[in-house]
Each structure stands twice: as structure tokens, then as C-alpha cells.
Amino acid sequence: MTQVEWTQHSGDWVHYVFQVNGSEYTGESPLGAMASPAVGQSIPIVYLPSNPHINTLANGEEADWLQSLIRALRLVQVLEVPLGVLAVGYLRYLGKRYVRGK
């Protein structure tokens, strides 16, 4: 079973938890960077060495947070992962905040 989980932890960090074929990989980024991105601001993306599909989406380098969002959505399409309503809602929330510039 493959699962992607996006959770908020301690009010300050967003944690990414990817489970691929029974192996779990995690990453994290400041919630402030996700919710209020500045032009050119970067956050880390998790690197998953065991899955070639994910390697092409998250290569371990820092990337613009909006690119991270787009890559996460592509990751869901590539892996055909059913995300929970909360995770999908959170991704949409981040996208709307970026478009509105708030």
C-alpha cells in the first residue's frame, strides 16, 4: 500500500510522510513558508531514493514552494494515491493563498 500524508505538527512545521512498499520516508518544512510564500522563497522537498517515479519529482534539492505543490499533485497522479479530504483541502488552500497573494 502506498500512502501520502501531509500533517501539521507543533503549529510551526508541515511534515510529509510517504509510505512506499512498506518503507516510510519523511520530510518537513516551515508552515510559514508554505502558507505565506515570498517571491523566490524555497523549502526542502523530501527525497525518496527507492522509487524512480518520486526521484523525478523530488530530487533532494530545494525548490520553490509552488513547484513543490505541483510536484505533489503529479506525485499523486503517478502513484494513483487516494488522499484524504483534509490533505486535498490543504493543498487547494495553499494554491488559493498563492494566487490571491495573501
N, C-alpha and C. Protein backbone atom coordinates (compact mmCIF):
# COMPACT_ATOMS: atom_id res chain seq x y z
N MET A 1 0.84 -1.19 0.00
CA MET A 1 0.00 0.00 0.00
C MET A 1 0.88 1.26 0.00
N THR A 2 0.57 2.17 -0.87
CA THR A 2 1.31 3.43 -0.94
C THR A 2 0.43 4.53 -0.37
N GLN A 3 1.00 5.35 0.46
CA GLN A 3 0.21 6.37 1.14
C GLN A 3 1.01 7.66 1.25
N VAL A 4 0.34 8.79 1.06
CA VAL A 4 0.98 10.10 1.24
C VAL A 4 0.18 10.85 2.28
N GLU A 5 0.85 11.35 3.27
CA GLU A 5 0.16 12.04 4.36
C GLU A 5 0.84 13.39 4.60
N TRP A 6 0.05 14.45 4.65
CA TRP A 6 0.56 15.79 4.95
C TRP A 6 -0.06 16.21 6.27
N THR A 7 0.75 16.46 7.28
CA THR A 7 0.20 16.82 8.58
C THR A 7 0.90 18.06 9.12
N GLN A 8 0.19 18.78 9.95
CA GLN A 8 0.77 19.93 10.64
C GLN A 8 1.23 19.46 12.01
N HIS A 9 2.43 19.87 12.42
CA HIS A 9 3.00 19.41 13.67
C HIS A 9 3.49 20.60 14.48
N SER A 10 3.10 20.69 15.72
CA SER A 10 3.54 21.74 16.64
C SER A 10 3.18 23.15 16.16
N GLY A 11 2.28 23.26 15.20
CA GLY A 11 1.85 24.57 14.74
C GLY A 11 2.86 25.31 13.89
N ASP A 12 4.09 24.82 13.79
CA ASP A 12 5.14 25.55 13.09
C ASP A 12 5.69 24.83 11.86
N TRP A 13 5.48 23.53 11.78
CA TRP A 13 6.08 22.73 10.71
C TRP A 13 5.03 21.91 10.01
N VAL A 14 5.21 21.73 8.70
CA VAL A 14 4.41 20.78 7.94
C VAL A 14 5.29 19.56 7.72
N HIS A 15 4.80 18.40 8.11
CA HIS A 15 5.56 17.16 7.93
C HIS A 15 4.98 16.37 6.78
N TYR A 16 5.85 15.83 5.93
CA TYR A 16 5.44 14.97 4.83
C TYR A 16 5.81 13.54 5.21
N VAL A 17 4.87 12.64 5.09
CA VAL A 17 5.15 11.23 5.36
C VAL A 17 4.73 10.43 4.13
N PHE A 18 5.71 9.78 3.49
CA PHE A 18 5.44 8.94 2.33
C PHE A 18 5.70 7.50 2.71
N GLN A 19 4.74 6.64 2.43
CA GLN A 19 4.95 5.21 2.65
C GLN A 19 4.92 4.54 1.28
N VAL A 20 6.04 3.95 0.90
CA VAL A 20 6.16 3.29 -0.39
C VAL A 20 6.61 1.86 -0.17
N ASN A 21 5.76 0.92 -0.56
CA ASN A 21 6.07 -0.51 -0.42
C ASN A 21 6.55 -0.87 0.98
N GLY A 22 5.87 -0.33 1.97
CA GLY A 22 6.20 -0.67 3.35
C GLY A 22 7.32 0.14 3.96
N SER A 23 8.03 0.95 3.18
CA SER A 23 9.09 1.80 3.71
C SER A 23 8.56 3.22 3.87
N GLU A 24 8.91 3.85 4.98
CA GLU A 24 8.41 5.19 5.26
C GLU A 24 9.53 6.22 5.15
N TYR A 25 9.23 7.34 4.49
CA TYR A 25 10.18 8.43 4.33
C TYR A 25 9.50 9.72 4.78
N THR A 26 10.24 10.57 5.44
CA THR A 26 9.65 11.80 5.94
C THR A 26 10.46 13.01 5.53
N GLY A 27 9.80 14.16 5.51
CA GLY A 27 10.44 15.43 5.27
C GLY A 27 9.63 16.49 5.99
N GLU A 28 10.14 17.69 6.10
CA GLU A 28 9.39 18.74 6.77
C GLU A 28 9.81 20.10 6.25
N SER A 29 8.92 21.06 6.42
CA SER A 29 9.23 22.43 6.03
C SER A 29 8.46 23.37 6.94
N PRO A 30 8.94 24.60 7.11
CA PRO A 30 8.24 25.55 7.96
C PRO A 30 6.84 25.84 7.43
N LEU A 31 5.86 25.85 8.30
CA LEU A 31 4.49 26.15 7.90
C LEU A 31 4.40 27.56 7.33
N GLY A 32 5.16 28.49 7.89
CA GLY A 32 5.13 29.85 7.40
C GLY A 32 5.55 29.96 5.95
N ALA A 33 6.52 29.14 5.54
CA ALA A 33 6.97 29.16 4.15
C ALA A 33 5.89 28.62 3.23
N MET A 34 5.10 27.67 3.73
CA MET A 34 4.04 27.10 2.92
C MET A 34 2.86 28.06 2.81
N ALA A 35 2.50 28.69 3.94
CA ALA A 35 1.29 29.49 3.98
C ALA A 35 1.50 30.91 3.44
N SER A 36 2.68 31.44 3.60
CA SER A 36 2.95 32.81 3.17
C SER A 36 4.23 32.88 2.37
N PRO A 37 4.24 32.33 1.17
CA PRO A 37 5.50 32.30 0.40
C PRO A 37 5.90 33.68 -0.10
N ALA A 38 7.19 33.94 -0.04
CA ALA A 38 7.73 35.16 -0.62
C ALA A 38 8.28 34.80 -2.00
N VAL A 39 8.45 35.80 -2.84
CA VAL A 39 8.98 35.55 -4.18
C VAL A 39 10.37 34.91 -4.06
N GLY A 40 10.55 33.78 -4.72
CA GLY A 40 11.84 33.10 -4.69
C GLY A 40 12.11 32.30 -3.43
N GLN A 41 11.16 32.27 -2.50
CA GLN A 41 11.38 31.53 -1.26
C GLN A 41 11.38 30.03 -1.53
N SER A 42 12.26 29.31 -0.86
CA SER A 42 12.40 27.89 -1.09
C SER A 42 12.15 27.10 0.18
N ILE A 43 11.67 25.88 0.01
CA ILE A 43 11.52 24.94 1.12
C ILE A 43 12.06 23.60 0.67
N PRO A 44 12.49 22.75 1.60
CA PRO A 44 13.02 21.45 1.21
C PRO A 44 11.90 20.52 0.72
N ILE A 45 12.25 19.64 -0.20
CA ILE A 45 11.35 18.60 -0.66
C ILE A 45 11.94 17.26 -0.24
N VAL A 46 11.09 16.35 0.20
CA VAL A 46 11.60 15.05 0.62
C VAL A 46 12.20 14.29 -0.56
N TYR A 47 13.24 13.51 -0.28
CA TYR A 47 13.93 12.72 -1.29
C TYR A 47 13.68 11.24 -1.00
N LEU A 48 13.14 10.54 -1.98
CA LEU A 48 12.82 9.13 -1.80
C LEU A 48 13.67 8.29 -2.76
N PRO A 49 14.79 7.75 -2.30
CA PRO A 49 15.70 7.05 -3.21
C PRO A 49 15.18 5.72 -3.75
N SER A 50 14.16 5.13 -3.13
CA SER A 50 13.76 3.79 -3.54
C SER A 50 12.72 3.76 -4.65
N ASN A 51 12.22 4.93 -5.06
CA ASN A 51 11.15 4.94 -6.06
C ASN A 51 11.54 5.87 -7.21
N PRO A 52 11.80 5.34 -8.41
CA PRO A 52 12.25 6.19 -9.52
C PRO A 52 11.22 7.24 -9.93
N HIS A 53 9.93 6.94 -9.77
CA HIS A 53 8.91 7.93 -10.12
C HIS A 53 9.01 9.15 -9.21
N ILE A 54 9.26 8.90 -7.93
CA ILE A 54 9.35 10.00 -6.99
C ILE A 54 10.66 10.76 -7.17
N ASN A 55 11.74 10.04 -7.53
CA ASN A 55 13.02 10.71 -7.75
C ASN A 55 12.89 11.81 -8.80
N THR A 56 12.07 11.60 -9.82
CA THR A 56 11.95 12.59 -10.86
C THR A 56 11.13 13.79 -10.39
N LEU A 57 10.40 13.64 -9.31
CA LEU A 57 9.55 14.72 -8.82
C LEU A 57 10.20 15.46 -7.65
N ALA A 58 10.92 14.72 -6.83
CA ALA A 58 11.56 15.33 -5.66
C ALA A 58 13.00 14.83 -5.62
N ASN A 59 13.92 15.63 -6.10
CA ASN A 59 15.29 15.15 -6.28
C ASN A 59 16.23 15.52 -5.14
N GLY A 60 15.68 15.98 -4.03
CA GLY A 60 16.53 16.29 -2.89
C GLY A 60 17.01 17.73 -2.85
N GLU A 61 16.84 18.46 -3.94
CA GLU A 61 17.24 19.86 -3.97
C GLU A 61 16.08 20.73 -3.50
N GLU A 62 16.40 21.95 -3.08
CA GLU A 62 15.33 22.86 -2.68
C GLU A 62 14.63 23.41 -3.91
N ALA A 63 13.33 23.63 -3.80
CA ALA A 63 12.55 24.13 -4.92
C ALA A 63 11.52 25.12 -4.41
N ASP A 64 11.05 25.97 -5.29
CA ASP A 64 10.01 26.91 -4.95
C ASP A 64 8.80 26.17 -4.40
N TRP A 65 8.12 26.73 -3.39
CA TRP A 65 7.05 26.00 -2.72
C TRP A 65 5.89 25.69 -3.67
N LEU A 66 5.65 26.55 -4.65
CA LEU A 66 4.56 26.27 -5.58
C LEU A 66 4.91 25.10 -6.49
N GLN A 67 6.18 25.02 -6.89
CA GLN A 67 6.62 23.85 -7.66
C GLN A 67 6.46 22.59 -6.82
N SER A 68 6.72 22.72 -5.52
CA SER A 68 6.55 21.57 -4.63
C SER A 68 5.10 21.12 -4.63
N LEU A 69 4.19 22.09 -4.61
CA LEU A 69 2.77 21.76 -4.63
C LEU A 69 2.38 21.07 -5.92
N ILE A 70 2.86 21.60 -7.05
CA ILE A 70 2.56 20.99 -8.35
C ILE A 70 3.14 19.58 -8.41
N ARG A 71 4.38 19.42 -7.93
CA ARG A 71 5.01 18.11 -7.95
C ARG A 71 4.26 17.13 -7.06
N ALA A 72 3.75 17.61 -5.94
CA ALA A 72 2.98 16.73 -5.06
C ALA A 72 1.72 16.25 -5.76
N LEU A 73 1.07 17.14 -6.49
CA LEU A 73 -0.13 16.75 -7.22
C LEU A 73 0.22 15.75 -8.32
N ARG A 74 1.35 15.96 -8.99
CA ARG A 74 1.79 15.00 -10.01
C ARG A 74 2.15 13.67 -9.38
N LEU A 75 2.76 13.73 -8.20
CA LEU A 75 3.10 12.51 -7.48
C LEU A 75 1.85 11.68 -7.22
N VAL A 76 0.79 12.36 -6.82
CA VAL A 76 -0.47 11.67 -6.56
C VAL A 76 -0.97 11.01 -7.84
N GLN A 77 -0.84 11.70 -8.98
CA GLN A 77 -1.29 11.12 -10.24
C GLN A 77 -0.42 9.93 -10.64
N VAL A 78 0.89 10.05 -10.46
CA VAL A 78 1.79 8.98 -10.85
C VAL A 78 1.53 7.72 -10.02
N LEU A 79 1.37 7.91 -8.72
CA LEU A 79 1.20 6.76 -7.82
C LEU A 79 -0.26 6.36 -7.65
N GLU A 80 -1.18 7.19 -8.18
CA GLU A 80 -2.60 6.96 -8.02
C GLU A 80 -2.95 6.75 -6.54
N VAL A 81 -2.53 7.71 -5.74
CA VAL A 81 -2.73 7.63 -4.30
C VAL A 81 -4.03 8.32 -3.91
N PRO A 82 -4.91 7.63 -3.20
CA PRO A 82 -6.13 8.28 -2.72
C PRO A 82 -5.82 9.12 -1.47
N LEU A 83 -5.83 10.43 -1.62
CA LEU A 83 -5.57 11.30 -0.47
C LEU A 83 -6.87 11.55 0.29
N GLY A 84 -6.73 11.80 1.56
CA GLY A 84 -7.89 12.14 2.39
C GLY A 84 -8.38 13.53 2.06
N VAL A 85 -9.61 13.82 2.45
CA VAL A 85 -10.22 15.12 2.17
C VAL A 85 -9.41 16.24 2.79
N LEU A 86 -8.86 16.01 3.96
CA LEU A 86 -8.08 17.05 4.63
C LEU A 86 -6.83 17.42 3.83
N ALA A 87 -6.12 16.41 3.34
CA ALA A 87 -4.89 16.68 2.58
C ALA A 87 -5.20 17.41 1.28
N VAL A 88 -6.24 16.98 0.57
CA VAL A 88 -6.62 17.63 -0.69
C VAL A 88 -7.06 19.06 -0.41
N GLY A 89 -7.86 19.24 0.64
CA GLY A 89 -8.32 20.58 1.01
C GLY A 89 -7.16 21.50 1.36
N TYR A 90 -6.16 20.94 2.04
CA TYR A 90 -5.00 21.74 2.42
C TYR A 90 -4.20 22.17 1.19
N LEU A 91 -4.03 21.27 0.24
CA LEU A 91 -3.33 21.62 -0.99
C LEU A 91 -4.06 22.72 -1.75
N ARG A 92 -5.39 22.60 -1.82
CA ARG A 92 -6.18 23.63 -2.51
C ARG A 92 -6.08 24.97 -1.77
N TYR A 93 -6.07 24.91 -0.45
CA TYR A 93 -5.95 26.12 0.36
C TYR A 93 -4.62 26.83 0.06
N LEU A 94 -3.54 26.06 0.00
CA LEU A 94 -2.24 26.66 -0.29
C LEU A 94 -2.22 27.30 -1.68
N GLY A 95 -2.80 26.61 -2.66
CA GLY A 95 -2.84 27.16 -4.01
C GLY A 95 -3.64 28.45 -4.08
N LYS A 96 -4.77 28.51 -3.38
CA LYS A 96 -5.59 29.72 -3.39
C LYS A 96 -4.88 30.87 -2.71
N ARG A 97 -4.18 30.58 -1.62
CA ARG A 97 -3.44 31.65 -0.93
C ARG A 97 -2.37 32.23 -1.85
N TYR A 98 -1.71 31.37 -2.63
CA TYR A 98 -0.66 31.84 -3.52
C TYR A 98 -1.26 32.71 -4.63
N VAL A 99 -2.37 32.27 -5.21
CA VAL A 99 -2.99 33.01 -6.31
C VAL A 99 -3.48 34.37 -5.83
N ARG A 100 -4.05 34.41 -4.64
CA ARG A 100 -4.56 35.67 -4.10
C ARG A 100 -3.46 36.58 -3.57
N GLY A 101 -2.28 36.01 -3.35
CA GLY A 101 -1.15 36.81 -2.86
C GLY A 101 -1.24 37.15 -1.40
N LYS A 102 -1.96 36.32 -0.64
CA LYS A 102 -2.10 36.59 0.80
C LYS A 102 -1.15 35.74 1.60
